[in-house]
C-alpha atoms as a PDB file:
ATOM      1  CA  UNK A   1     -61.869  25.685-121.234  1.00  0.00           C
ATOM      2  CA  UNK A   2     -62.372  22.303-122.364  1.00  0.00           C
ATOM      3  CA  UNK A   3     -65.190  20.131-120.585  1.00  0.00           C
ATOM      4  CA  UNK A   4     -66.629  16.888-120.131  1.00  0.00           C
ATOM      5  CA  UNK A   5     -69.994  15.724-119.534  1.00  0.00           C
ATOM      6  CA  UNK A   6     -70.419  12.434-117.396  1.00  0.00           C
ATOM      7  CA  UNK A   7     -74.148  11.656-117.424  1.00  0.00           C
ATOM      8  CA  UNK A   8     -76.659   9.101-119.402  1.00  0.00           C
ATOM      9  CA  UNK A   9     -79.640  11.749-119.030  1.00  0.00           C
ATOM     10  CA  UNK A  10     -80.101  13.143-122.476  1.00  0.00           C
ATOM     11  CA  UNK A  11     -81.759  16.373-120.852  1.00  0.00           C
ATOM     12  CA  UNK A  12     -78.732  17.092-118.687  1.00  0.00           C
ATOM     13  CA  UNK A  13     -76.487  16.624-121.605  1.00  0.00           C
ATOM     14  CA  UNK A  14     -78.572  18.527-124.081  1.00  0.00           C
ATOM     15  CA  UNK A  15     -78.727  21.775-121.833  1.00  0.00           C
ATOM     16  CA  UNK A  16     -75.234  21.384-120.607  1.00  0.00           C
ATOM     17  CA  UNK A  17     -74.046  21.376-124.404  1.00  0.00           C
ATOM     18  CA  UNK A  18     -76.091  24.201-125.259  1.00  0.00           C
ATOM     19  CA  UNK A  19     -74.462  26.321-122.139  1.00  0.00           C
ATOM     20  CA  UNK A  20     -71.041  25.308-122.915  1.00  0.00           C
ATOM     21  CA  UNK A  21     -71.364  26.367-126.775  1.00  0.00           C
ATOM     22  CA  UNK A  22     -72.645  29.928-125.946  1.00  0.00           C
ATOM     23  CA  UNK A  23     -69.446  30.008-123.917  1.00  0.00           C
ATOM     24  CA  UNK A  24     -67.456  28.938-126.804  1.00  0.00           C
ATOM     25  CA  UNK A  25     -66.317  25.760-124.705  1.00  0.00           C
ATOM     26  CA  UNK A  26     -64.701  22.592-126.385  1.00  0.00           C
ATOM     27  CA  UNK A  27     -65.502  19.158-125.580  1.00  0.00           C
ATOM     28  CA  UNK A  28     -62.334  17.412-124.451  1.00  0.00           C
ATOM     29  CA  UNK A  29     -61.479  14.774-126.584  1.00  0.00           C
ATOM     30  CA  UNK A  30     -58.769  13.498-124.184  1.00  0.00           C
ATOM     31  CA  UNK A  31     -59.554  13.055-120.580  1.00  0.00           C
ATOM     32  CA  UNK A  32     -56.270  14.481-119.616  1.00  0.00           C
ATOM     33  CA  UNK A  33     -57.233  18.049-120.895  1.00  0.00           C
ATOM     34  CA  UNK A  34     -60.562  18.476-119.143  1.00  0.00           C
ATOM     35  CA  UNK A  35     -60.565  21.817-117.491  1.00  0.00           C
ATOM     36  CA  UNK A  36     -64.400  21.480-116.408  1.00  0.00           C
ATOM     37  CA  UNK A  37     -66.181  18.080-115.580  1.00  0.00           C
ATOM     38  CA  UNK A  38     -70.037  18.002-115.239  1.00  0.00           C
ATOM     39  CA  UNK A  39     -70.721  14.841-113.410  1.00  0.00           C
ATOM     40  CA  UNK A  40     -74.247  13.306-112.853  1.00  0.00           C
ATOM     41  CA  UNK A  41     -73.957  11.736-109.275  1.00  0.00           C
ATOM     42  CA  UNK A  42     -76.220   8.830-110.486  1.00  0.00           C
ATOM     43  CA  UNK A  43     -73.399   7.838-112.880  1.00  0.00           C
ATOM     44  CA  UNK A  44     -70.804   7.270-109.675  1.00  0.00           C
ATOM     45  CA  UNK A  45     -69.808   4.279-108.305  1.00  0.00           C
ATOM     46  CA  UNK A  46     -67.258   3.678-105.460  1.00  0.00           C
ATOM     47  CA  UNK A  47     -64.362   3.753-107.619  1.00  0.00           C
ATOM     48  CA  UNK A  48     -65.196   6.771-109.661  1.00  0.00           C
ATOM     49  CA  UNK A  49     -66.077   8.456-106.224  1.00  0.00           C
ATOM     50  CA  UNK A  50     -62.591   8.167-105.197  1.00  0.00           C
ATOM     51  CA  UNK A  51     -61.396   9.350-108.351  1.00  0.00           C
ATOM     52  CA  UNK A  52     -63.167  12.455-108.138  1.00  0.00           C
ATOM     53  CA  UNK A  53     -62.091  12.991-104.513  1.00  0.00           C
ATOM     54  CA  UNK A  54     -58.591  12.556-105.448  1.00  0.00           C
ATOM     55  CA  UNK A  55     -58.694  15.063-108.359  1.00  0.00           C
ATOM     56  CA  UNK A  56     -60.793  17.849-106.802  1.00  0.00           C
ATOM     57  CA  UNK A  57     -58.106  19.943-105.597  1.00  0.00           C
ATOM     58  CA  UNK A  58     -56.752  20.274-109.157  1.00  0.00           C
ATOM     59  CA  UNK A  59     -60.102  19.979-111.240  1.00  0.00           C
ATOM     60  CA  UNK A  60     -63.422  22.025-111.442  1.00  0.00           C
ATOM     61  CA  UNK A  61     -66.155  19.367-110.993  1.00  0.00           C
ATOM     62  CA  UNK A  62     -69.812  20.620-111.190  1.00  0.00           C
ATOM     63  CA  UNK A  63     -72.055  17.536-109.287  1.00  0.00           C
ATOM     64  CA  UNK A  64     -75.549  17.302-111.069  1.00  0.00           C
ATOM     65  CA  UNK A  65     -77.836  16.021-107.948  1.00  0.00           C
ATOM     66  CA  UNK A  66     -81.165  14.514-108.681  1.00  0.00           C
ATOM     67  CA  UNK A  67     -82.693  13.747-105.062  1.00  0.00           C
ATOM     68  CA  UNK A  68     -81.580  14.205-101.300  1.00  0.00           C
ATOM     69  CA  UNK A  69     -79.350  11.118-101.518  1.00  0.00           C
ATOM     70  CA  UNK A  70     -77.267  12.508-104.080  1.00  0.00           C
ATOM     71  CA  UNK A  71     -76.956  15.509-101.992  1.00  0.00           C
ATOM     72  CA  UNK A  72     -75.894  13.819 -98.930  1.00  0.00           C
ATOM     73  CA  UNK A  73     -73.245  11.782-101.090  1.00  0.00           C
ATOM     74  CA  UNK A  74     -71.990  15.460-102.246  1.00  0.00           C
ATOM     75  CA  UNK A  75     -71.869  16.692 -98.696  1.00  0.00           C
ATOM     76  CA  UNK A  76     -70.181  13.472 -97.252  1.00  0.00           C
ATOM     77  CA  UNK A  77     -67.358  13.917 -99.293  1.00  0.00           C
ATOM     78  CA  UNK A  78     -66.981  17.583 -99.440  1.00  0.00           C
ATOM     79  CA  UNK A  79     -68.364  18.101-102.851  1.00  0.00           C
ATOM     80  CA  UNK A  80     -69.706  21.905-102.399  1.00  0.00           C
ATOM     81  CA  UNK A  81     -69.996  22.562-106.020  1.00  0.00           C
ATOM     82  CA  UNK A  82     -73.188  21.210-107.268  1.00  0.00           C
ATOM     83  CA  UNK A  83     -76.620  21.982-109.066  1.00  0.00           C
ATOM     84  CA  UNK A  84     -80.064  20.394-109.196  1.00  0.00           C
ATOM     85  CA  UNK A  85     -80.896  18.454-112.654  1.00  0.00           C
ATOM     86  CA  UNK A  86     -83.444  21.017-113.573  1.00  0.00           C
ATOM     87  CA  UNK A  87     -80.852  23.583-113.481  1.00  0.00           C
ATOM     88  CA  UNK A  88     -81.052  26.478-115.884  1.00  0.00           C
ATOM     89  CA  UNK A  89     -78.844  27.286-118.718  1.00  0.00           C
ATOM     90  CA  UNK A  90     -78.060  30.805-117.089  1.00  0.00           C
ATOM     91  CA  UNK A  91     -76.946  28.776-113.652  1.00  0.00           C
ATOM     92  CA  UNK A  92     -74.462  26.600-115.300  1.00  0.00           C
ATOM     93  CA  UNK A  93     -72.702  29.418-117.403  1.00  0.00           C
ATOM     94  CA  UNK A  94     -72.824  31.255-114.114  1.00  0.00           C
ATOM     95  CA  UNK A  95     -70.928  28.385-112.761  1.00  0.00           C
ATOM     96  CA  UNK A  96     -68.579  28.148-115.702  1.00  0.00           C
ATOM     97  CA  UNK A  97     -67.647  31.873-115.261  1.00  0.00           C
ATOM     98  CA  UNK A  98     -67.096  31.409-111.649  1.00  0.00           C
ATOM     99  CA  UNK A  99     -64.412  28.742-112.390  1.00  0.00           C
ATOM    100  CA  UNK A 100     -62.629  30.743-114.845  1.00  0.00           C
ATOM    101  CA  UNK A 101     -61.944  33.080-112.114  1.00  0.00           C
ATOM    102  CA  UNK A 102     -61.178  30.613-109.298  1.00  0.00           C
ATOM    103  CA  UNK A 103     -58.111  29.518-110.535  1.00  0.00           C
ATOM    104  CA  UNK A 104     -56.971  26.165-109.301  1.00  0.00           C
ATOM    105  CA  UNK A 105     -53.416  25.352-107.826  1.00  0.00           C
ATOM    106  CA  UNK A 106     -51.054  24.772-110.487  1.00  0.00           C
ATOM    107  CA  UNK A 107     -47.982  23.846-108.850  1.00  0.00           C
ATOM    108  CA  UNK A 108     -47.493  20.696-106.423  1.00  0.00           C
ATOM    109  CA  UNK A 109     -44.443  20.727-103.816  1.00  0.00           C
ATOM    110  CA  UNK A 110     -42.995  17.531-103.277  1.00  0.00           C
ATOM    111  CA  UNK A 111     -40.237  16.356-100.921  1.00  0.00           C
ATOM    112  CA  UNK A 112     -36.578  16.652-102.318  1.00  0.00           C
ATOM    113  CA  UNK A 113     -37.336  20.047-104.251  1.00  0.00           C
ATOM    114  CA  UNK A 114     -39.291  18.352-106.970  1.00  0.00           C
ATOM    115  CA  UNK A 115     -42.112  20.576-107.906  1.00  0.00           C
ATOM    116  CA  UNK A 116     -44.867  19.629-110.555  1.00  0.00           C
ATOM    117  CA  UNK A 117     -46.363  22.633-112.757  1.00  0.00           C
ATOM    118  CA  UNK A 118     -49.593  21.264-114.030  1.00  0.00           C
ATOM    119  CA  UNK A 119     -50.169  24.191-116.359  1.00  0.00           C
ATOM    120  CA  UNK A 120     -47.134  24.033-117.969  1.00  0.00           C
ATOM    121  CA  UNK A 121     -47.096  20.113-117.786  1.00  0.00           C
ATOM    122  CA  UNK A 122     -43.278  20.461-116.277  1.00  0.00           C
ATOM    123  CA  UNK A 123     -41.573  18.541-113.385  1.00  0.00           C
ATOM    124  CA  UNK A 124     -38.777  20.775-112.096  1.00  0.00           C
ATOM    125  CA  UNK A 125     -35.700  19.770-109.756  1.00  0.00           C
ATOM    126  CA  UNK A 126     -32.178  21.110-109.365  1.00  0.00           C
ATOM    127  CA  UNK A 127     -32.924  24.214-111.972  1.00  0.00           C
ATOM    128  CA  UNK A 128     -34.118  21.319-114.494  1.00  0.00           C
ATOM    129  CA  UNK A 129     -37.281  21.525-116.090  1.00  0.00           C
ATOM    130  CA  UNK A 130     -38.419  18.028-117.597  1.00  0.00           C
ATOM    131  CA  UNK A 131     -41.542  18.190-120.076  1.00  0.00           C
ATOM    132  CA  UNK A 132     -44.471  15.722-119.303  1.00  0.00           C
ATOM    133  CA  UNK A 133     -46.698  13.883-121.793  1.00  0.00           C
ATOM    134  CA  UNK A 134     -50.579  14.565-121.269  1.00  0.00           C
ATOM    135  CA  UNK A 135     -50.984  10.926-119.797  1.00  0.00           C
ATOM    136  CA  UNK A 136     -47.935  11.632-117.753  1.00  0.00           C
ATOM    137  CA  UNK A 137     -49.454  14.831-116.372  1.00  0.00           C
ATOM    138  CA  UNK A 138     -53.057  13.423-115.836  1.00  0.00           C
ATOM    139  CA  UNK A 139     -51.649  10.271-113.850  1.00  0.00           C
ATOM    140  CA  UNK A 140     -49.626  12.875-111.497  1.00  0.00           C
ATOM    141  CA  UNK A 141     -53.009  14.488-111.132  1.00  0.00           C
ATOM    142  CA  UNK A 142     -54.901  11.464-109.897  1.00  0.00           C
ATOM    143  CA  UNK A 143     -51.927  11.060-107.145  1.00  0.00           C
ATOM    144  CA  UNK A 144     -52.160  14.723-106.202  1.00  0.00           C
ATOM    145  CA  UNK A 145     -53.988  14.249-102.907  1.00  0.00           C
ATOM    146  CA  UNK A 146     -50.638  12.425-101.409  1.00  0.00           C
ATOM    147  CA  UNK A 147     -52.791   9.408-100.493  1.00  0.00           C
ATOM    148  CA  UNK A 148     -52.289   6.037-101.977  1.00  0.00           C
ATOM    149  CA  UNK A 149     -54.359   5.176-105.094  1.00  0.00           C
ATOM    150  CA  UNK A 150     -54.609   1.817-106.437  1.00  0.00           C
ATOM    151  CA  UNK A 151     -53.747   0.684-110.083  1.00  0.00           C
ATOM    152  CA  UNK A 152     -57.163  -0.466-110.858  1.00  0.00           C
ATOM    153  CA  UNK A 153     -58.812   3.153-109.994  1.00  0.00           C
ATOM    154  CA  UNK A 154     -55.711   4.511-112.019  1.00  0.00           C
ATOM    155  CA  UNK A 155     -56.732   2.811-114.856  1.00  0.00           C
ATOM    156  CA  UNK A 156     -60.229   3.560-114.943  1.00  0.00           C
ATOM    157  CA  UNK A 157     -59.700   7.352-114.104  1.00  0.00           C
ATOM    158  CA  UNK A 158     -57.115   7.622-117.198  1.00  0.00           C
ATOM    159  CA  UNK A 159     -59.523   5.438-119.404  1.00  0.00           C
ATOM    160  CA  UNK A 160     -56.569   3.128-120.056  1.00  0.00           C
ATOM    161  CA  UNK A 161     -56.931  -0.463-121.475  1.00  0.00           C
ATOM    162  CA  UNK A 162     -55.074  -2.474-118.702  1.00  0.00           C
ATOM    163  CA  UNK A 163     -53.085  -2.148-115.431  1.00  0.00           C
ATOM    164  CA  UNK A 164     -50.079  -2.452-117.114  1.00  0.00           C
ATOM    165  CA  UNK A 165     -50.586   0.973-119.104  1.00  0.00           C
ATOM    166  CA  UNK A 166     -50.604   2.609-115.591  1.00  0.00           C
ATOM    167  CA  UNK A 167     -47.266   0.685-114.833  1.00  0.00           C
ATOM    168  CA  UNK A 168     -45.830   1.860-118.150  1.00  0.00           C
ATOM    169  CA  UNK A 169     -46.538   5.304-117.677  1.00  0.00           C
ATOM    170  CA  UNK A 170     -44.724   5.633-114.352  1.00  0.00           C
ATOM    171  CA  UNK A 171     -41.890   3.656-115.415  1.00  0.00           C
ATOM    172  CA  UNK A 172     -41.542   6.498-118.017  1.00  0.00           C
ATOM    173  CA  UNK A 173     -41.719   9.420-115.469  1.00  0.00           C
ATOM    174  CA  UNK A 174     -38.956   7.510-113.468  1.00  0.00           C
ATOM    175  CA  UNK A 175     -36.530   7.548-116.215  1.00  0.00           C
ATOM    176  CA  UNK A 176     -37.212  11.109-116.652  1.00  0.00           C
ATOM    177  CA  UNK A 177     -36.276  12.124-113.227  1.00  0.00           C
ATOM    178  CA  UNK A 178     -33.089  10.731-111.241  1.00  0.00           C
ATOM    179  CA  UNK A 179     -35.101  11.135-107.772  1.00  0.00           C
ATOM    180  CA  UNK A 180     -37.415   9.096-106.683  1.00  0.00           C
ATOM    181  CA  UNK A 181     -40.850  10.516-105.913  1.00  0.00           C
ATOM    182  CA  UNK A 182     -43.563   7.932-107.070  1.00  0.00           C
ATOM    183  CA  UNK A 183     -43.941   5.454-104.184  1.00  0.00           C
ATOM    184  CA  UNK A 184     -45.818   1.968-104.618  1.00  0.00           C
ATOM    185  CA  UNK A 185     -47.079   0.112-101.816  1.00  0.00           C
ATOM    186  CA  UNK A 186     -48.305  -3.486-102.338  1.00  0.00           C
ATOM    187  CA  UNK A 187     -52.221  -3.725-102.414  1.00  0.00           C
ATOM    188  CA  UNK A 188     -52.408  -0.169-102.015  1.00  0.00           C
ATOM    189  CA  UNK A 189     -51.110   1.260-105.182  1.00  0.00           C
ATOM    190  CA  UNK A 190     -49.115   4.199-105.601  1.00  0.00           C
ATOM    191  CA  UNK A 191     -48.616   7.864-104.287  1.00  0.00           C
ATOM    192  CA  UNK A 192     -46.575  11.122-104.057  1.00  0.00           C
ATOM    193  CA  UNK A 193     -44.949  12.201-100.977  1.00  0.00           C
ATOM    194  CA  UNK A 194     -46.021  15.840-100.491  1.00  0.00           C
ATOM    195  CA  UNK A 195     -43.763  18.535 -98.899  1.00  0.00           C
ATOM    196  CA  UNK A 196     -45.042  17.993 -95.435  1.00  0.00           C
ATOM    197  CA  UNK A 197     -43.318  20.876 -93.631  1.00  0.00           C
ATOM    198  CA  UNK A 198     -44.780  23.304 -96.258  1.00  0.00           C
ATOM    199  CA  UNK A 199     -48.289  21.909 -95.364  1.00  0.00           C
ATOM    200  CA  UNK A 200     -47.606  22.168 -91.823  1.00  0.00           C
ATOM    201  CA  UNK A 201     -46.220  25.745 -91.984  1.00  0.00           C
ATOM    202  CA  UNK A 202     -49.329  26.635 -93.892  1.00  0.00           C
ATOM    203  CA  UNK A 203     -51.581  24.990 -91.060  1.00  0.00           C
ATOM    204  CA  UNK A 204     -49.473  26.616 -88.230  1.00  0.00           C
ATOM    205  CA  UNK A 205     -49.644  30.075 -89.837  1.00  0.00           C
ATOM    206  CA  UNK A 206     -53.331  29.821 -90.527  1.00  0.00           C
ATOM    207  CA  UNK A 207     -54.079  28.922 -86.945  1.00  0.00           C
ATOM    208  CA  UNK A 208     -51.810  31.644 -85.340  1.00  0.00           C
ATOM    209  CA  UNK A 209     -53.376  34.187 -87.519  1.00  0.00           C
ATOM    210  CA  UNK A 210     -57.078  32.689 -86.382  1.00  0.00           C
ATOM    211  CA  UNK A 211     -55.986  33.051 -82.676  1.00  0.00           C
ATOM    212  CA  UNK A 212     -54.619  36.564 -83.040  1.00  0.00           C
ATOM    213  CA  UNK A 213     -57.962  37.662 -84.791  1.00  0.00           C
ATOM    214  CA  UNK A 214     -59.831  35.931 -82.071  1.00  0.00           C
ATOM    215  CA  UNK A 215     -57.833  37.630 -79.503  1.00  0.00           C
ATOM    216  CA  UNK A 216     -58.112  41.261 -80.955  1.00  0.00           C
ATOM    217  CA  UNK A 217     -61.863  40.627 -81.498  1.00  0.00           C
ATOM    218  CA  UNK A 218     -61.981  39.744 -77.502  1.00  0.00           C
ATOM    219  CA  UNK A 219     -60.001  42.765 -76.832  1.00  0.00           C
ATOM    220  CA  UNK A 220     -62.061  45.014 -78.715  1.00  0.00           C
ATOM    221  CA  UNK A 221     -65.398  43.367 -77.007  1.00  0.00           C
ATOM    222  CA  UNK A 222     -63.687  43.964 -73.674  1.00  0.00           C
ATOM    223  CA  UNK A 223     -62.624  47.590 -74.273  1.00  0.00           C
ATOM    224  CA  UNK A 224     -65.981  48.514 -75.823  1.00  0.00           C
ATOM    225  CA  UNK A 225     -67.689  47.310 -72.672  1.00  0.00           C
ATOM    226  CA  UNK A 226     -68.940  50.041 -70.201  1.00  0.00           C
ATOM    227  CA  UNK A 227     -68.927  47.271 -67.504  1.00  0.00           C
ATOM    228  CA  UNK A 228     -65.394  47.091 -65.311  1.00  0.00           C
ATOM    229  CA  UNK A 229     -63.823  44.025 -66.255  1.00  0.00           C
ATOM    230  CA  UNK A 230     -60.757  42.609 -64.811  1.00  0.00           C
ATOM    231  CA  UNK A 231     -58.706  39.334 -65.768  1.00  0.00           C
ATOM    232  CA  UNK A 232     -56.247  37.308 -63.626  1.00  0.00           C
ATOM    233  CA  UNK A 233     -54.267  34.370 -64.685  1.00  0.00           C
ATOM    234  CA  UNK A 234     -52.209  32.452 -62.300  1.00  0.00           C
ATOM    235  CA  UNK A 235     -53.255  35.339 -59.886  1.00  0.00           C
ATOM    236  CA  UNK A 236     -51.401  37.498 -62.082  1.00  0.00           C
ATOM    237  CA  UNK A 237     -53.133  40.673 -63.471  1.00  0.00           C
ATOM    238  CA  UNK A 238     -53.669  40.047 -67.070  1.00  0.00           C
ATOM    239  CA  UNK A 239     -56.203  42.394 -68.554  1.00  0.00           C
ATOM    240  CA  UNK A 240     -58.334  45.551 -67.588  1.00  0.00           C
ATOM    241  CA  UNK A 241     -60.769  46.976 -70.038  1.00  0.00           C
ATOM    242  CA  UNK A 242     -60.685  50.376 -71.282  1.00  0.00           C
ATOM    243  CA  UNK A 243     -63.521  51.504 -68.862  1.00  0.00           C
ATOM    244  CA  UNK A 244     -61.906  50.463 -65.931  1.00  0.00           C
ATOM    245  CA  UNK A 245     -58.753  52.023 -66.866  1.00  0.00           C
ATOM    246  CA  UNK A 246     -60.048  55.200 -67.257  1.00  0.00           C
ATOM    247  CA  UNK A 247     -62.056  54.793 -63.907  1.00  0.00           C
ATOM    248  CA  UNK A 248     -58.692  54.367 -61.836  1.00  0.00           C
ATOM    249  CA  UNK A 249     -56.180  56.409 -63.855  1.00  0.00           C
ATOM    250  CA  UNK A 250     -53.112  55.562 -66.130  1.00  0.00           C
ATOM    251  CA  UNK A 251     -50.729  56.132 -63.201  1.00  0.00           C
ATOM    252  CA  UNK A 252     -52.632  53.268 -61.009  1.00  0.00           C
ATOM    253  CA  UNK A 253     -52.728  51.144 -63.938  1.00  0.00           C
ATOM    254  CA  UNK A 254     -48.924  51.304 -64.516  1.00  0.00           C
ATOM    255  CA  UNK A 255     -48.444  50.464 -60.991  1.00  0.00           C
ATOM    256  CA  UNK A 256     -50.598  47.296 -61.210  1.00  0.00           C
ATOM    257  CA  UNK A 257     -48.753  46.270 -64.208  1.00  0.00           C
ATOM    258  CA  UNK A 258     -45.599  45.843 -62.022  1.00  0.00           C
ATOM    259  CA  UNK A 259     -45.013  42.761 -61.014  1.00  0.00           C
ATOM    260  CA  UNK A 260     -43.043  43.455 -57.986  1.00  0.00           C
ATOM    261  CA  UNK A 261     -44.856  46.627 -56.790  1.00  0.00           C
ATOM    262  CA  UNK A 262     -48.094  45.878 -58.501  1.00  0.00           C
ATOM    263  CA  UNK A 263     -51.184  44.505 -55.976  1.00  0.00           C
ATOM    264  CA  UNK A 264     -54.608  45.148 -57.047  1.00  0.00           C
ATOM    265  CA  UNK A 265     -55.861  44.410 -53.468  1.00  0.00           C
ATOM    266  CA  UNK A 266     -54.405  47.650 -52.314  1.00  0.00           C
ATOM    267  CA  UNK A 267     -56.956  49.155 -53.933  1.00  0.00           C
ATOM    268  CA  UNK A 268     -59.686  47.219 -52.073  1.00  0.00           C
ATOM    269  CA  UNK A 269     -60.507  48.309 -48.888  1.00  0.00           C
ATOM    270  CA  UNK A 270     -59.743  45.562 -45.975  1.00  0.00           C
ATOM    271  CA  UNK A 271     -58.041  45.147 -42.771  1.00  0.00           C
ATOM    272  CA  UNK A 272     -54.358  44.121 -43.132  1.00  0.00           C
ATOM    273  CA  UNK A 273     -55.171  40.795 -41.337  1.00  0.00           C
ATOM    274  CA  UNK A 274     -58.089  40.066 -43.869  1.00  0.00           C
ATOM    275  CA  UNK A 275     -56.169  40.503 -46.979  1.00  0.00           C
ATOM    276  CA  UNK A 276     -55.598  36.557 -47.517  1.00  0.00           C
ATOM    277  CA  UNK A 277     -59.109  36.058 -46.694  1.00  0.00           C
ATOM    278  CA  UNK A 278     -60.422  38.562 -49.024  1.00  0.00           C
ATOM    279  CA  UNK A 279     -58.172  37.222 -51.988  1.00  0.00           C
ATOM    280  CA  UNK A 280     -59.323  33.722 -51.372  1.00  0.00           C
ATOM    281  CA  UNK A 281     -63.270  34.808 -51.189  1.00  0.00           C
ATOM    282  CA  UNK A 282     -62.711  36.954 -54.602  1.00  0.00           C
ATOM    283  CA  UNK A 283     -60.806  34.029 -56.067  1.00  0.00           C
ATOM    284  CA  UNK A 284     -63.955  31.809 -55.789  1.00  0.00           C
ATOM    285  CA  UNK A 285     -67.070  31.874 -57.923  1.00  0.00           C
ATOM    286  CA  UNK A 286     -69.862  34.013 -56.839  1.00  0.00           C
ATOM    287  CA  UNK A 287     -70.767  37.712 -55.944  1.00  0.00           C
ATOM    288  CA  UNK A 288     -69.228  39.670 -53.148  1.00  0.00           C
ATOM    289  CA  UNK A 289     -69.499  43.496 -51.800  1.00  0.00           C
ATOM    290  CA  UNK A 290     -66.181  45.406 -51.781  1.00  0.00           C
ATOM    291  CA  UNK A 291     -65.292  48.944 -51.313  1.00  0.00           C
ATOM    292  CA  UNK A 292     -62.554  50.256 -53.635  1.00  0.00           C
ATOM    293  CA  UNK A 293     -60.548  53.048 -53.830  1.00  0.00           C
ATOM    294  CA  UNK A 294     -60.985  55.854 -56.288  1.00  0.00           C
ATOM    295  CA  UNK A 295     -57.819  58.111 -56.314  1.00  0.00           C
ATOM    296  CA  UNK A 296     -58.839  60.257 -58.848  1.00  0.00           C
ATOM    297  CA  UNK A 297     -61.765  61.457 -56.697  1.00  0.00           C
ATOM    298  CA  UNK A 298     -60.072  60.695 -53.346  1.00  0.00           C
ATOM    299  CA  UNK A 299     -63.163  58.357 -52.133  1.00  0.00           C
ATOM    300  CA  UNK A 300     -64.424  54.835 -51.935  1.00  0.00           C
ATOM    301  CA  UNK A 301     -66.880  53.414 -54.386  1.00  0.00           C
ATOM    302  CA  UNK A 302     -69.174  50.530 -53.585  1.00  0.00           C
ATOM    303  CA  UNK A 303     -69.215  47.544 -55.880  1.00  0.00           C
ATOM    304  CA  UNK A 304     -70.798  44.173 -56.403  1.00  0.00           C
ATOM    305  CA  UNK A 305     -68.038  41.681 -57.872  1.00  0.00           C
ATOM    306  CA  UNK A 306     -69.070  38.967 -60.002  1.00  0.00           C
ATOM    307  CA  UNK A 307     -66.368  36.209 -60.035  1.00  0.00           C
ATOM    308  CA  UNK A 308     -66.068  33.546 -62.686  1.00  0.00           C
ATOM    309  CA  UNK A 309     -63.157  30.902 -62.488  1.00  0.00           C
ATOM    310  CA  UNK A 310     -62.143  28.885 -65.294  1.00  0.00           C
ATOM    311  CA  UNK A 311     -60.144  26.147 -63.554  1.00  0.00           C
ATOM    312  CA  UNK A 312     -58.557  24.344 -66.476  1.00  0.00           C
ATOM    313  CA  UNK A 313     -56.416  27.535 -67.236  1.00  0.00           C
ATOM    314  CA  UNK A 314     -56.624  28.812 -63.721  1.00  0.00           C
ATOM    315  CA  UNK A 315     -58.145  32.096 -65.207  1.00  0.00           C
ATOM    316  CA  UNK A 316     -60.305  34.575 -63.078  1.00  0.00           C
ATOM    317  CA  UNK A 317     -62.489  36.807 -64.739  1.00  0.00           C
ATOM    318  CA  UNK A 318     -63.997  39.854 -62.311  1.00  0.00           C
ATOM    319  CA  UNK A 319     -66.829  42.009 -63.066  1.00  0.00           C
ATOM    320  CA  UNK A 320     -67.261  45.002 -61.460  1.00  0.00           C
ATOM    321  CA  UNK A 321     -70.686  46.647 -60.796  1.00  0.00           C
ATOM    322  CA  UNK A 322     -70.923  49.732 -59.119  1.00  0.00           C
ATOM    323  CA  UNK A 323     -73.640  50.262 -56.803  1.00  0.00           C
ATOM    324  CA  UNK A 324     -75.793  53.479 -56.052  1.00  0.00           C
END
């Protein structure tokens, strides 16, 4: 790994160099070949901050914080990798080993089936692989966030002498590829068009997986509860927990799940002319007393029913507490 230290503090520089030398890491001569940045937050101005934000997904960066203001700046900008200025050599070595194991993304997918491989320093399209120079790949890394980056910021981030040099590098990249993928907007700068569908699919998959995990966890909690729980959605039976299933029996449960024949209120003792009134009472928040048929024991059991109603999704949660 190649490293670069950005600090004016001689103590920080000395300790960092010692740690990097132990790991046989080399100080990077060219800015585009840096594998690990050690950045003293006190050196960061507004433009440098934007540069670190843009490259964070594709660069390993450790920020050195000196006080609470530095910590706030890191957290406000989602920089979670930081150490105190009085860090030990062992601590920095541990961070380096962590970054060696935690591999950054090498492949960036763009629209029009264009891929940039930062590790191989190539851009591919239509089964062609075009080799890029160090400066060209470094510039594309600065644009990897998919947001506009102004020319002045690119000039500083790439340690170029003039903004014209940025335009020269971009023109060289454009000549190598027949498809346009670097976009410019006056007063905003340059950006790459990331493959939006790819990102959305990842987000959707992640959200679905999270919901499925939540539902499974909720079902486990409901099923493991010794309390009798029944859930209705839009007046239809939706869920009965394991305790209540065992209490009623599988045959009764099967009938209750039948949309045509199933009627949970058949299990509750009431006069025929009181059925709708009973439903009205149970589908309102509060406690009620009912007698529930237990066909397994051929008897009636007395319950206090606690009803919870969530109006926004028309969901009713009944908790049956057996009375002695």
